[in-house]
């Protein structure tokens, strides 16, 4: 009798687990906050990305790998990334990581079963809202006409000198200065997509001129 009850209980748990998985698989994932704004990825377990990956390709790319916050602890996602040999670049608000990986490494992460949605990190993901439409929110540049001063951040696994050289080589760009993983860059509107297409770049935003946080108490 006890054996029969145990079998029934196990079967019931299996049915409930299957039902929960079915519900979870249809539940929308949290929106991700990228430099360009909020985006929603399609929950497909990385199937679309898997189909685009070529294991024979040794080159690296940056991928957005999203896990379900209700199903997968962040530690499990980080473990899968580390075991694949890929480089974890940064977390993304909403339950995801930006990862630099070869196709083989990306496939290994997908095979770990922790990815709910995934795709390549695109150039347009890196550009802050408003910049591609005229740079009206950026500070004026003292350089070429129609240029603005931008903050260009790059990934921690990149050599600053190489990033600076790559940006400076783009027509319409001038690297002004930089520190702590970013450069202040004077760039034309046409140059921004070119900068964003560099694999070292994480984000591009407007440079906001500093303003005094207080006034002289003796001022009338």
N, C-alpha and C. Protein backbone atom coordinates (compact mmCIF):
# COMPACT_ATOMS: atom_id res chain seq x y z
N UNK A 1 0.84 -1.22 0.00
CA UNK A 1 0.00 0.00 0.00
C UNK A 1 0.87 1.26 0.00
N UNK A 2 1.92 1.24 0.87
CA UNK A 2 2.81 2.40 0.93
C UNK A 2 3.53 2.61 -0.40
N UNK A 3 3.93 1.48 -1.04
CA UNK A 3 4.61 1.58 -2.33
C UNK A 3 3.71 2.18 -3.38
N UNK A 4 2.42 1.79 -3.34
CA UNK A 4 1.45 2.32 -4.30
C UNK A 4 1.26 3.81 -4.11
N UNK A 5 1.15 4.25 -2.82
CA UNK A 5 0.99 5.67 -2.53
C UNK A 5 2.21 6.47 -2.97
N UNK A 6 3.39 5.86 -2.78
CA UNK A 6 4.63 6.52 -3.18
C UNK A 6 4.68 6.74 -4.68
N UNK A 7 4.24 5.71 -5.43
CA UNK A 7 4.22 5.81 -6.89
C UNK A 7 3.25 6.89 -7.34
N UNK A 8 2.07 6.93 -6.68
CA UNK A 8 1.06 7.93 -7.02
C UNK A 8 1.59 9.33 -6.73
N UNK A 9 2.25 9.47 -5.55
CA UNK A 9 2.80 10.78 -5.18
C UNK A 9 3.84 11.24 -6.18
N UNK A 10 4.72 10.33 -6.58
CA UNK A 10 5.77 10.68 -7.55
C UNK A 10 5.15 11.08 -8.89
N UNK A 11 4.13 10.35 -9.29
CA UNK A 11 3.47 10.66 -10.55
C UNK A 11 2.80 12.02 -10.49
N UNK A 12 2.19 12.32 -9.33
CA UNK A 12 1.53 13.62 -9.15
C UNK A 12 2.54 14.75 -9.22
N UNK A 13 3.69 14.56 -8.55
CA UNK A 13 4.75 15.58 -8.58
C UNK A 13 5.26 15.80 -9.99
N UNK A 14 5.39 14.69 -10.75
CA UNK A 14 5.87 14.79 -12.12
C UNK A 14 4.90 15.59 -12.98
N UNK A 15 3.58 15.34 -12.76
CA UNK A 15 2.56 16.08 -13.52
C UNK A 15 2.59 17.56 -13.17
N UNK A 16 2.72 17.84 -11.85
CA UNK A 16 2.76 19.23 -11.41
C UNK A 16 3.99 19.94 -11.95
N UNK A 17 5.13 19.23 -11.95
CA UNK A 17 6.37 19.82 -12.47
C UNK A 17 6.23 20.14 -13.94
N UNK A 18 5.61 19.21 -14.69
CA UNK A 18 5.41 19.42 -16.11
C UNK A 18 4.49 20.61 -16.36
N UNK A 19 3.42 20.72 -15.52
CA UNK A 19 2.48 21.82 -15.67
C UNK A 19 3.15 23.15 -15.39
N UNK A 20 3.98 23.19 -14.31
CA UNK A 20 4.68 24.42 -13.97
C UNK A 20 5.63 24.84 -15.07
N UNK A 21 6.32 23.84 -15.65
CA UNK A 21 7.25 24.14 -16.73
C UNK A 21 6.50 24.72 -17.92
N UNK A 22 5.31 24.16 -18.19
CA UNK A 22 4.52 24.64 -19.32
C UNK A 22 4.08 26.08 -19.09
N UNK A 23 3.68 26.38 -17.81
CA UNK A 23 3.26 27.74 -17.49
C UNK A 23 4.43 28.70 -17.62
N UNK A 24 5.58 28.28 -17.06
CA UNK A 24 6.76 29.14 -17.10
C UNK A 24 7.22 29.40 -18.52
N UNK A 25 7.12 28.38 -19.38
CA UNK A 25 7.60 28.54 -20.74
C UNK A 25 6.77 29.55 -21.52
N UNK A 26 5.52 29.77 -21.05
CA UNK A 26 4.68 30.73 -21.75
C UNK A 26 4.67 32.10 -21.11
N UNK A 27 5.32 32.23 -19.94
CA UNK A 27 5.32 33.49 -19.23
C UNK A 27 6.34 34.45 -19.83
N UNK A 28 5.96 35.70 -20.08
CA UNK A 28 6.92 36.66 -20.63
C UNK A 28 8.09 36.87 -19.69
N UNK A 29 9.25 37.10 -20.25
CA UNK A 29 10.43 37.39 -19.45
C UNK A 29 10.44 38.87 -19.08
N UNK A 30 11.20 39.20 -18.05
CA UNK A 30 11.33 40.59 -17.65
C UNK A 30 12.00 41.39 -18.77
N UNK A 31 11.62 42.65 -18.89
CA UNK A 31 12.29 43.52 -19.85
C UNK A 31 13.72 43.78 -19.41
N UNK A 32 14.61 43.89 -20.37
CA UNK A 32 16.01 44.18 -20.08
C UNK A 32 16.28 45.66 -20.32
N UNK A 33 17.11 46.23 -19.46
CA UNK A 33 17.45 47.64 -19.61
C UNK A 33 18.83 47.74 -20.26
N UNK A 34 18.84 48.07 -21.54
CA UNK A 34 20.07 48.26 -22.31
C UNK A 34 20.33 49.75 -22.47
N UNK A 35 21.53 50.13 -22.91
CA UNK A 35 21.80 51.56 -23.13
C UNK A 35 20.77 52.24 -24.03
N UNK A 36 20.24 51.51 -25.00
CA UNK A 36 19.26 52.07 -25.93
C UNK A 36 17.85 52.15 -25.34
N UNK A 37 17.65 51.54 -24.18
CA UNK A 37 16.33 51.52 -23.56
C UNK A 37 15.89 50.11 -23.20
N UNK A 38 14.61 49.96 -22.92
CA UNK A 38 14.08 48.66 -22.50
C UNK A 38 13.75 47.79 -23.72
N UNK A 39 14.11 46.53 -23.63
CA UNK A 39 13.80 45.58 -24.70
C UNK A 39 13.27 44.29 -24.08
N UNK A 40 12.45 43.59 -24.82
CA UNK A 40 11.92 42.31 -24.39
C UNK A 40 12.40 41.24 -25.36
N UNK A 41 13.08 40.25 -24.84
CA UNK A 41 13.55 39.15 -25.68
C UNK A 41 12.50 38.05 -25.73
N UNK A 42 12.52 37.29 -26.80
CA UNK A 42 11.58 36.18 -26.98
C UNK A 42 12.08 34.96 -26.24
N UNK A 43 11.23 34.39 -25.40
CA UNK A 43 11.59 33.18 -24.67
C UNK A 43 11.58 31.98 -25.63
N UNK A 44 12.77 31.56 -26.03
CA UNK A 44 12.85 30.38 -26.90
C UNK A 44 13.99 29.45 -26.49
N UNK A 45 14.57 29.72 -25.31
CA UNK A 45 15.66 28.88 -24.85
C UNK A 45 16.94 29.05 -25.65
N UNK A 46 17.00 30.10 -26.47
CA UNK A 46 18.19 30.32 -27.28
C UNK A 46 18.19 29.56 -28.59
N UNK A 47 17.03 29.04 -28.99
CA UNK A 47 16.94 28.23 -30.21
C UNK A 47 17.35 29.05 -31.44
N UNK A 48 16.86 30.28 -31.54
CA UNK A 48 17.17 31.09 -32.72
C UNK A 48 18.67 31.38 -32.79
N UNK A 49 19.27 31.70 -31.65
CA UNK A 49 20.71 31.96 -31.64
C UNK A 49 21.48 30.69 -31.98
N UNK A 50 21.06 29.58 -31.44
CA UNK A 50 21.73 28.30 -31.72
C UNK A 50 21.78 28.02 -33.23
N UNK A 51 20.70 28.32 -33.91
CA UNK A 51 20.65 28.07 -35.34
C UNK A 51 21.58 28.95 -36.14
N UNK A 52 21.95 30.10 -35.56
CA UNK A 52 22.83 31.04 -36.28
C UNK A 52 24.31 30.80 -35.99
N UNK A 53 24.60 30.03 -34.95
CA UNK A 53 25.99 29.81 -34.56
C UNK A 53 26.67 28.76 -35.42
N UNK A 54 27.91 29.04 -35.78
CA UNK A 54 28.71 28.11 -36.57
C UNK A 54 29.90 27.65 -35.73
N UNK A 55 29.88 26.43 -35.21
CA UNK A 55 30.96 25.96 -34.33
C UNK A 55 32.36 26.07 -34.93
N UNK A 56 32.45 26.05 -36.25
CA UNK A 56 33.76 26.13 -36.90
C UNK A 56 34.31 27.55 -36.92
N UNK A 57 33.48 28.54 -36.56
CA UNK A 57 33.90 29.94 -36.57
C UNK A 57 34.63 30.26 -35.26
N UNK A 58 35.93 30.59 -35.32
CA UNK A 58 36.69 30.85 -34.10
C UNK A 58 36.55 32.26 -33.56
N UNK A 59 35.88 33.14 -34.32
CA UNK A 59 35.77 34.53 -33.89
C UNK A 59 34.84 34.66 -32.69
N UNK A 60 34.99 35.79 -31.99
CA UNK A 60 34.17 36.06 -30.82
C UNK A 60 33.13 37.13 -31.12
N UNK A 61 32.05 37.08 -30.37
CA UNK A 61 31.00 38.09 -30.46
C UNK A 61 30.46 38.30 -29.05
N UNK A 62 29.72 39.38 -28.88
CA UNK A 62 29.10 39.66 -27.58
C UNK A 62 27.63 39.27 -27.67
N UNK A 63 27.18 38.50 -26.67
CA UNK A 63 25.80 38.00 -26.65
C UNK A 63 25.08 38.46 -25.39
N UNK A 64 23.76 38.68 -25.54
CA UNK A 64 22.89 38.89 -24.39
C UNK A 64 22.31 37.53 -24.03
N UNK A 65 22.59 37.06 -22.83
CA UNK A 65 22.07 35.77 -22.37
C UNK A 65 21.16 36.02 -21.17
N UNK A 66 19.87 35.81 -21.37
CA UNK A 66 18.89 36.08 -20.31
C UNK A 66 18.42 34.78 -19.68
N UNK A 67 18.34 34.79 -18.36
CA UNK A 67 17.80 33.64 -17.62
C UNK A 67 16.52 34.08 -16.91
N UNK A 68 15.70 33.11 -16.52
CA UNK A 68 14.44 33.43 -15.84
C UNK A 68 14.74 33.63 -14.36
N UNK A 69 14.49 34.82 -13.87
CA UNK A 69 14.79 35.15 -12.47
C UNK A 69 14.03 34.27 -11.49
N UNK A 70 12.88 33.74 -11.89
CA UNK A 70 12.07 32.90 -11.00
C UNK A 70 12.49 31.43 -11.05
N UNK A 71 13.28 31.06 -12.03
CA UNK A 71 13.66 29.66 -12.19
C UNK A 71 15.15 29.40 -11.97
N UNK A 72 15.97 30.39 -12.28
CA UNK A 72 17.41 30.17 -12.30
C UNK A 72 18.13 31.19 -11.44
N UNK A 73 18.92 30.75 -10.45
CA UNK A 73 19.72 31.71 -9.68
C UNK A 73 20.84 32.29 -10.53
N UNK A 74 21.21 33.52 -10.26
CA UNK A 74 22.26 34.16 -11.04
C UNK A 74 23.58 33.40 -10.93
N UNK A 75 23.79 32.73 -9.79
CA UNK A 75 25.03 31.97 -9.60
C UNK A 75 25.12 30.81 -10.59
N UNK A 76 23.97 30.21 -10.93
CA UNK A 76 23.96 29.11 -11.91
C UNK A 76 24.30 29.63 -13.30
N UNK A 77 23.81 30.83 -13.62
CA UNK A 77 24.14 31.43 -14.92
C UNK A 77 25.62 31.76 -15.00
N UNK A 78 26.16 32.33 -13.94
CA UNK A 78 27.58 32.67 -13.93
C UNK A 78 28.45 31.41 -14.01
N UNK A 79 28.02 30.35 -13.36
CA UNK A 79 28.77 29.09 -13.39
C UNK A 79 28.82 28.52 -14.80
N UNK A 80 27.69 28.54 -15.49
CA UNK A 80 27.63 28.02 -16.87
C UNK A 80 28.53 28.83 -17.79
N UNK A 81 28.54 30.14 -17.58
CA UNK A 81 29.39 31.02 -18.40
C UNK A 81 30.86 30.72 -18.14
N UNK A 82 31.22 30.60 -16.87
CA UNK A 82 32.62 30.33 -16.50
C UNK A 82 33.08 28.98 -17.04
N UNK A 83 32.24 27.97 -16.93
CA UNK A 83 32.62 26.62 -17.37
C UNK A 83 32.77 26.54 -18.89
N UNK A 84 32.10 27.43 -19.61
CA UNK A 84 32.21 27.42 -21.07
C UNK A 84 33.53 28.03 -21.54
N UNK A 85 34.17 28.82 -20.67
CA UNK A 85 35.39 29.52 -21.06
C UNK A 85 35.13 30.90 -21.63
N UNK A 86 33.85 31.30 -21.69
CA UNK A 86 33.50 32.62 -22.20
C UNK A 86 33.83 33.69 -21.17
N UNK A 87 33.82 34.95 -21.58
CA UNK A 87 34.12 36.06 -20.69
C UNK A 87 32.84 36.79 -20.30
N UNK A 88 32.55 36.83 -19.01
CA UNK A 88 31.40 37.56 -18.53
C UNK A 88 31.78 39.05 -18.50
N UNK A 89 31.05 39.85 -19.24
CA UNK A 89 31.38 41.27 -19.38
C UNK A 89 30.66 42.14 -18.36
N UNK A 90 29.35 41.98 -18.27
CA UNK A 90 28.60 42.79 -17.31
C UNK A 90 27.19 42.24 -17.15
N UNK A 91 26.57 42.49 -16.00
CA UNK A 91 25.17 42.11 -15.83
C UNK A 91 24.27 43.10 -16.53
N UNK A 92 23.06 42.67 -16.85
CA UNK A 92 22.05 43.54 -17.45
C UNK A 92 20.82 43.51 -16.56
N UNK A 93 20.31 44.67 -16.21
CA UNK A 93 19.13 44.75 -15.36
C UNK A 93 17.96 44.02 -16.02
N UNK A 94 17.34 43.11 -15.27
CA UNK A 94 16.25 42.31 -15.80
C UNK A 94 16.57 40.83 -15.81
N UNK A 95 17.81 40.47 -15.46
CA UNK A 95 18.18 39.06 -15.39
C UNK A 95 18.91 38.56 -16.61
N UNK A 96 20.04 39.18 -16.94
CA UNK A 96 20.81 38.75 -18.10
C UNK A 96 22.27 39.15 -17.91
N UNK A 97 23.11 38.60 -18.78
CA UNK A 97 24.52 38.97 -18.79
C UNK A 97 24.96 39.24 -20.22
N UNK A 98 25.88 40.18 -20.36
CA UNK A 98 26.58 40.36 -21.63
C UNK A 98 27.82 39.50 -21.55
N UNK A 99 28.01 38.66 -22.57
CA UNK A 99 29.09 37.68 -22.55
C UNK A 99 29.82 37.71 -23.89
N UNK A 100 31.17 37.72 -23.82
CA UNK A 100 31.95 37.61 -25.04
C UNK A 100 32.34 36.14 -25.20
N UNK A 101 31.98 35.56 -26.35
CA UNK A 101 32.18 34.12 -26.52
C UNK A 101 32.37 33.75 -27.98
N UNK A 102 33.04 32.64 -28.20
CA UNK A 102 33.07 32.03 -29.52
C UNK A 102 31.75 31.29 -29.71
N UNK A 103 31.51 30.82 -30.92
CA UNK A 103 30.28 30.06 -31.18
C UNK A 103 30.25 28.80 -30.32
N UNK A 104 31.38 28.12 -30.19
CA UNK A 104 31.45 26.89 -29.39
C UNK A 104 31.15 27.18 -27.93
N UNK A 105 31.69 28.27 -27.41
CA UNK A 105 31.42 28.64 -26.03
C UNK A 105 29.96 29.00 -25.82
N UNK A 106 29.39 29.75 -26.76
CA UNK A 106 27.97 30.12 -26.65
C UNK A 106 27.08 28.89 -26.67
N UNK A 107 27.43 27.92 -27.51
CA UNK A 107 26.65 26.67 -27.57
C UNK A 107 26.74 25.91 -26.26
N UNK A 108 27.91 25.92 -25.64
CA UNK A 108 28.08 25.24 -24.36
C UNK A 108 27.19 25.86 -23.28
N UNK A 109 27.08 27.18 -23.30
CA UNK A 109 26.20 27.86 -22.34
C UNK A 109 24.75 27.49 -22.60
N UNK A 110 24.35 27.49 -23.86
CA UNK A 110 22.97 27.10 -24.19
C UNK A 110 22.69 25.67 -23.78
N UNK A 111 23.68 24.80 -23.94
CA UNK A 111 23.50 23.38 -23.57
C UNK A 111 23.34 23.20 -22.07
N UNK A 112 23.77 24.18 -21.28
CA UNK A 112 23.65 24.07 -19.83
C UNK A 112 22.21 24.18 -19.36
N UNK A 113 21.33 24.66 -20.24
CA UNK A 113 19.90 24.71 -19.92
C UNK A 113 19.47 25.85 -19.03
N UNK A 114 20.29 26.88 -18.89
CA UNK A 114 19.93 27.99 -18.00
C UNK A 114 19.45 29.22 -18.79
N UNK A 115 19.58 29.19 -20.11
CA UNK A 115 19.25 30.36 -20.93
C UNK A 115 17.78 30.32 -21.35
N UNK A 116 17.06 31.38 -21.03
CA UNK A 116 15.66 31.47 -21.44
C UNK A 116 15.52 32.20 -22.77
N UNK A 117 16.42 33.15 -23.01
CA UNK A 117 16.40 33.92 -24.26
C UNK A 117 17.81 34.42 -24.53
N UNK A 118 18.14 34.56 -25.81
CA UNK A 118 19.50 34.99 -26.15
C UNK A 118 19.53 35.56 -27.55
N UNK A 119 20.43 36.49 -27.73
CA UNK A 119 20.73 37.02 -29.06
C UNK A 119 22.03 37.79 -29.00
N UNK A 120 22.53 38.17 -30.17
CA UNK A 120 23.76 38.95 -30.21
C UNK A 120 23.49 40.37 -29.71
N UNK A 121 24.49 40.96 -29.07
CA UNK A 121 24.42 42.34 -28.62
C UNK A 121 24.73 43.22 -29.82
N UNK A 122 23.73 43.98 -30.28
CA UNK A 122 23.82 44.72 -31.54
C UNK A 122 24.33 46.14 -31.33
N UNK A 123 24.83 46.72 -32.42
CA UNK A 123 25.32 48.10 -32.36
C UNK A 123 24.22 49.06 -31.90
N UNK A 124 23.01 48.85 -32.37
CA UNK A 124 21.92 49.76 -31.99
C UNK A 124 21.53 49.63 -30.52
N UNK A 125 21.89 48.50 -29.87
CA UNK A 125 21.63 48.34 -28.44
C UNK A 125 22.48 49.28 -27.60
N UNK A 126 23.58 49.75 -28.15
CA UNK A 126 24.58 50.50 -27.39
C UNK A 126 24.33 52.00 -27.36
N UNK A 127 23.47 52.50 -28.23
CA UNK A 127 23.32 53.95 -28.42
C UNK A 127 22.14 54.47 -27.59
N UNK A 128 22.42 55.43 -26.73
CA UNK A 128 21.38 56.00 -25.87
C UNK A 128 20.29 56.66 -26.69
N UNK A 129 19.04 56.65 -26.20
CA UNK A 129 17.93 57.28 -26.92
C UNK A 129 18.23 58.73 -27.25
N UNK A 130 17.87 59.14 -28.45
CA UNK A 130 18.04 60.52 -28.86
C UNK A 130 19.31 60.78 -29.65
N UNK A 131 20.35 59.97 -29.44
CA UNK A 131 21.61 60.23 -30.11
C UNK A 131 21.56 59.97 -31.60
N UNK A 132 20.81 58.97 -32.00
CA UNK A 132 20.74 58.65 -33.42
C UNK A 132 19.82 59.57 -34.18
N UNK A 133 19.10 60.43 -33.45
CA UNK A 133 18.15 61.31 -34.11
C UNK A 133 18.58 62.75 -34.17
N UNK A 134 19.89 63.01 -34.12
CA UNK A 134 20.34 64.39 -34.24
C UNK A 134 21.23 64.88 -33.13
N UNK A 135 21.43 64.03 -32.10
CA UNK A 135 22.31 64.40 -31.00
C UNK A 135 21.87 65.67 -30.28
N UNK A 136 20.56 65.90 -30.23
CA UNK A 136 20.10 67.16 -29.65
C UNK A 136 20.34 67.23 -28.14
N UNK A 137 20.56 66.07 -27.49
CA UNK A 137 20.75 66.09 -26.04
C UNK A 137 22.22 66.13 -25.64
N UNK A 138 23.11 66.07 -26.60
CA UNK A 138 24.53 66.04 -26.28
C UNK A 138 25.11 67.44 -26.23
N UNK A 139 26.23 67.56 -25.52
CA UNK A 139 26.89 68.86 -25.41
C UNK A 139 27.57 69.21 -26.72
N UNK A 140 27.55 70.50 -27.13
CA UNK A 140 28.22 70.91 -28.38
C UNK A 140 29.71 70.64 -28.32
N UNK A 141 30.27 70.30 -29.45
CA UNK A 141 31.70 70.09 -29.53
C UNK A 141 32.39 71.35 -30.03
N UNK A 142 33.65 71.47 -29.65
CA UNK A 142 34.43 72.60 -30.14
C UNK A 142 35.16 72.23 -31.43
N UNK A 143 34.93 70.99 -31.91
CA UNK A 143 35.64 70.52 -33.09
C UNK A 143 34.85 70.75 -34.36
N UNK A 144 34.78 69.72 -35.19
CA UNK A 144 34.14 69.84 -36.50
C UNK A 144 32.67 70.22 -36.38
N UNK A 145 32.18 70.85 -37.41
CA UNK A 145 30.77 71.22 -37.44
C UNK A 145 29.89 69.99 -37.35
N UNK A 146 28.73 70.15 -36.68
CA UNK A 146 27.76 69.07 -36.52
C UNK A 146 28.27 67.92 -35.65
N UNK A 147 29.31 68.14 -34.87
CA UNK A 147 29.81 67.14 -33.94
C UNK A 147 29.28 67.43 -32.55
N UNK A 148 29.22 66.40 -31.72
CA UNK A 148 28.83 66.54 -30.33
C UNK A 148 29.79 65.74 -29.47
N UNK A 149 29.83 66.07 -28.18
CA UNK A 149 30.70 65.34 -27.28
C UNK A 149 29.90 64.21 -26.63
N UNK A 150 30.45 63.02 -26.72
CA UNK A 150 29.79 61.82 -26.23
C UNK A 150 30.66 61.11 -25.20
N UNK A 151 30.00 60.27 -24.39
CA UNK A 151 30.71 59.37 -23.48
C UNK A 151 30.64 57.97 -24.10
N UNK A 152 31.78 57.41 -24.42
CA UNK A 152 31.86 56.09 -25.04
C UNK A 152 32.51 55.13 -24.03
N UNK A 153 31.74 54.18 -23.54
CA UNK A 153 32.25 53.20 -22.58
C UNK A 153 32.65 51.92 -23.31
N UNK A 154 33.71 51.28 -22.82
CA UNK A 154 34.15 50.03 -23.45
C UNK A 154 34.24 48.92 -22.41
N UNK A 155 34.23 47.67 -22.88
CA UNK A 155 34.22 46.51 -22.00
C UNK A 155 35.55 46.34 -21.27
N UNK A 156 35.48 45.77 -20.08
CA UNK A 156 36.66 45.67 -19.22
C UNK A 156 37.75 44.74 -19.75
N UNK A 157 37.40 43.87 -20.70
CA UNK A 157 38.41 42.94 -21.22
C UNK A 157 39.19 43.54 -22.40
N UNK A 158 38.96 44.80 -22.68
CA UNK A 158 39.61 45.44 -23.84
C UNK A 158 40.75 46.35 -23.40
N UNK A 159 41.76 46.44 -24.24
CA UNK A 159 42.92 47.30 -23.99
C UNK A 159 42.57 48.74 -24.35
N UNK A 160 42.63 49.67 -23.38
CA UNK A 160 42.24 51.06 -23.65
C UNK A 160 42.94 51.68 -24.85
N UNK A 161 44.23 51.43 -24.99
CA UNK A 161 44.96 52.04 -26.11
C UNK A 161 44.43 51.56 -27.45
N UNK A 162 44.07 50.27 -27.52
CA UNK A 162 43.54 49.71 -28.76
C UNK A 162 42.15 50.28 -29.06
N UNK A 163 41.35 50.47 -28.02
CA UNK A 163 40.02 51.05 -28.20
C UNK A 163 40.14 52.49 -28.68
N UNK A 164 41.02 53.25 -28.06
CA UNK A 164 41.23 54.64 -28.44
C UNK A 164 41.66 54.74 -29.90
N UNK A 165 42.56 53.87 -30.30
CA UNK A 165 43.03 53.87 -31.69
C UNK A 165 41.91 53.53 -32.66
N UNK A 166 41.07 52.56 -32.30
CA UNK A 166 39.96 52.15 -33.18
C UNK A 166 38.94 53.27 -33.34
N UNK A 167 38.65 53.98 -32.25
CA UNK A 167 37.70 55.09 -32.34
C UNK A 167 38.28 56.23 -33.16
N UNK A 168 39.54 56.57 -32.90
CA UNK A 168 40.18 57.68 -33.60
C UNK A 168 40.30 57.44 -35.09
N UNK A 169 40.31 56.17 -35.49
CA UNK A 169 40.44 55.83 -36.91
C UNK A 169 39.14 56.05 -37.69
N UNK A 170 38.04 56.26 -36.98
CA UNK A 170 36.74 56.46 -37.63
C UNK A 170 36.60 57.91 -38.07
N UNK A 171 36.24 58.11 -39.31
CA UNK A 171 36.07 59.45 -39.86
C UNK A 171 34.98 60.20 -39.09
N UNK A 172 35.31 61.40 -38.64
CA UNK A 172 34.34 62.20 -37.89
C UNK A 172 34.47 62.06 -36.40
N UNK A 173 35.49 61.32 -35.93
CA UNK A 173 35.68 61.10 -34.49
C UNK A 173 37.00 61.70 -34.02
N UNK A 174 36.97 62.23 -32.81
CA UNK A 174 38.18 62.69 -32.14
C UNK A 174 38.08 62.30 -30.67
N UNK A 175 39.06 61.54 -30.18
CA UNK A 175 39.08 61.15 -28.78
C UNK A 175 39.69 62.30 -27.98
N UNK A 176 38.91 62.84 -27.05
CA UNK A 176 39.35 64.02 -26.29
C UNK A 176 40.13 63.63 -25.03
N UNK A 177 39.59 62.73 -24.25
CA UNK A 177 40.25 62.24 -23.05
C UNK A 177 39.48 61.03 -22.56
N UNK A 178 39.90 60.47 -21.45
CA UNK A 178 39.21 59.30 -20.95
C UNK A 178 39.80 58.76 -19.67
N UNK A 179 39.00 57.95 -18.95
CA UNK A 179 39.44 57.31 -17.71
C UNK A 179 38.40 56.30 -17.28
N UNK A 180 38.85 55.26 -16.54
CA UNK A 180 37.94 54.29 -15.94
C UNK A 180 36.97 53.66 -16.93
N UNK A 181 37.49 53.14 -18.01
CA UNK A 181 36.65 52.39 -18.94
C UNK A 181 35.82 53.23 -19.88
N UNK A 182 36.15 54.50 -20.05
CA UNK A 182 35.38 55.33 -20.97
C UNK A 182 36.27 56.38 -21.61
N UNK A 183 35.79 56.89 -22.75
CA UNK A 183 36.44 58.00 -23.44
C UNK A 183 35.41 59.08 -23.69
N UNK A 184 35.87 60.31 -23.65
CA UNK A 184 35.05 61.43 -24.09
C UNK A 184 35.42 61.66 -25.54
N UNK A 185 34.40 61.59 -26.40
CA UNK A 185 34.66 61.58 -27.84
C UNK A 185 33.82 62.65 -28.53
N UNK A 186 34.45 63.40 -29.42
CA UNK A 186 33.73 64.31 -30.31
C UNK A 186 33.40 63.53 -31.57
N UNK A 187 32.12 63.44 -31.92
CA UNK A 187 31.72 62.62 -33.06
C UNK A 187 30.57 63.24 -33.82
N UNK A 188 30.55 63.03 -35.10
CA UNK A 188 29.42 63.44 -35.94
C UNK A 188 28.33 62.39 -35.84
N UNK A 189 27.13 62.77 -36.27
CA UNK A 189 26.01 61.82 -36.25
C UNK A 189 26.32 60.58 -37.08
N UNK A 190 26.95 60.79 -38.23
CA UNK A 190 27.26 59.67 -39.12
C UNK A 190 28.28 58.71 -38.52
N UNK A 191 29.10 59.22 -37.60
CA UNK A 191 30.15 58.38 -37.02
C UNK A 191 29.64 57.49 -35.89
N UNK A 192 28.53 57.85 -35.28
CA UNK A 192 28.06 57.12 -34.11
C UNK A 192 27.81 55.63 -34.39
N UNK A 193 27.09 55.27 -35.46
CA UNK A 193 26.89 53.83 -35.72
C UNK A 193 28.20 53.09 -35.95
N UNK A 194 29.18 53.78 -36.51
CA UNK A 194 30.49 53.15 -36.74
C UNK A 194 31.19 52.85 -35.43
N UNK A 195 31.10 53.80 -34.49
CA UNK A 195 31.69 53.58 -33.17
C UNK A 195 30.96 52.42 -32.47
N UNK A 196 29.64 52.43 -32.56
CA UNK A 196 28.85 51.38 -31.89
C UNK A 196 29.13 50.00 -32.46
N UNK A 197 29.54 49.93 -33.71
CA UNK A 197 29.80 48.63 -34.33
C UNK A 197 31.11 48.00 -33.86
N UNK A 198 31.95 48.77 -33.18
CA UNK A 198 33.20 48.20 -32.67
C UNK A 198 32.89 47.19 -31.57
N UNK A 199 33.47 46.00 -31.62
CA UNK A 199 33.15 44.96 -30.62
C UNK A 199 33.61 45.30 -29.21
N UNK A 200 34.48 46.29 -29.07
CA UNK A 200 34.96 46.68 -27.74
C UNK A 200 33.99 47.59 -27.00
N UNK A 201 33.05 48.20 -27.75
CA UNK A 201 32.20 49.24 -27.18
C UNK A 201 31.00 48.66 -26.46
N UNK A 202 30.75 49.19 -25.25
CA UNK A 202 29.60 48.75 -24.46
C UNK A 202 28.42 49.71 -24.58
N UNK A 203 28.68 51.01 -24.55
CA UNK A 203 27.58 51.97 -24.63
C UNK A 203 28.07 53.32 -25.11
N UNK A 204 27.13 54.11 -25.66
CA UNK A 204 27.42 55.46 -26.12
C UNK A 204 26.31 56.37 -25.60
N UNK A 205 26.69 57.40 -24.87
CA UNK A 205 25.71 58.30 -24.32
C UNK A 205 26.15 59.75 -24.46
N UNK A 206 25.27 60.70 -24.19
CA UNK A 206 25.62 62.12 -24.29
C UNK A 206 26.51 62.55 -23.14
N UNK A 207 27.45 63.41 -23.42
CA UNK A 207 28.25 64.03 -22.37
C UNK A 207 27.49 65.24 -21.86
N UNK A 208 27.21 65.24 -20.56
CA UNK A 208 26.49 66.35 -19.94
C UNK A 208 27.49 67.23 -19.22
N UNK A 209 27.54 68.48 -19.62
CA UNK A 209 28.49 69.40 -19.02
C UNK A 209 28.20 69.56 -17.52
N UNK A 210 29.23 69.47 -16.69
CA UNK A 210 29.03 69.62 -15.24
C UNK A 210 28.47 70.99 -14.90
N UNK A 211 27.59 71.00 -13.89
CA UNK A 211 27.02 72.26 -13.43
C UNK A 211 27.29 72.41 -11.94
N UNK A 212 27.41 73.64 -11.49
CA UNK A 212 27.65 73.89 -10.07
C UNK A 212 26.48 73.37 -9.25
N UNK A 213 26.79 72.66 -8.16
CA UNK A 213 25.74 72.09 -7.32
C UNK A 213 25.26 73.05 -6.25
N UNK A 214 25.90 74.22 -6.14
CA UNK A 214 25.50 75.18 -5.11
C UNK A 214 25.75 76.60 -5.59
N UNK A 215 25.18 77.54 -4.94
CA UNK A 215 25.40 78.94 -5.25
C UNK A 215 26.06 79.62 -4.07
N UNK A 216 26.82 80.67 -4.36
CA UNK A 216 27.46 81.44 -3.31
C UNK A 216 26.39 82.03 -2.39
N UNK A 217 26.50 81.74 -1.12
CA UNK A 217 25.48 82.20 -0.17
C UNK A 217 25.42 83.73 -0.07
N UNK A 218 26.52 84.41 -0.52
CA UNK A 218 26.53 85.86 -0.47
C UNK A 218 25.96 86.52 -1.73
N UNK A 219 25.69 85.65 -2.74
CA UNK A 219 25.15 86.21 -3.99
C UNK A 219 23.76 86.72 -3.77
N UNK A 220 23.43 87.84 -4.34
CA UNK A 220 22.11 88.43 -4.15
C UNK A 220 21.15 87.88 -5.18
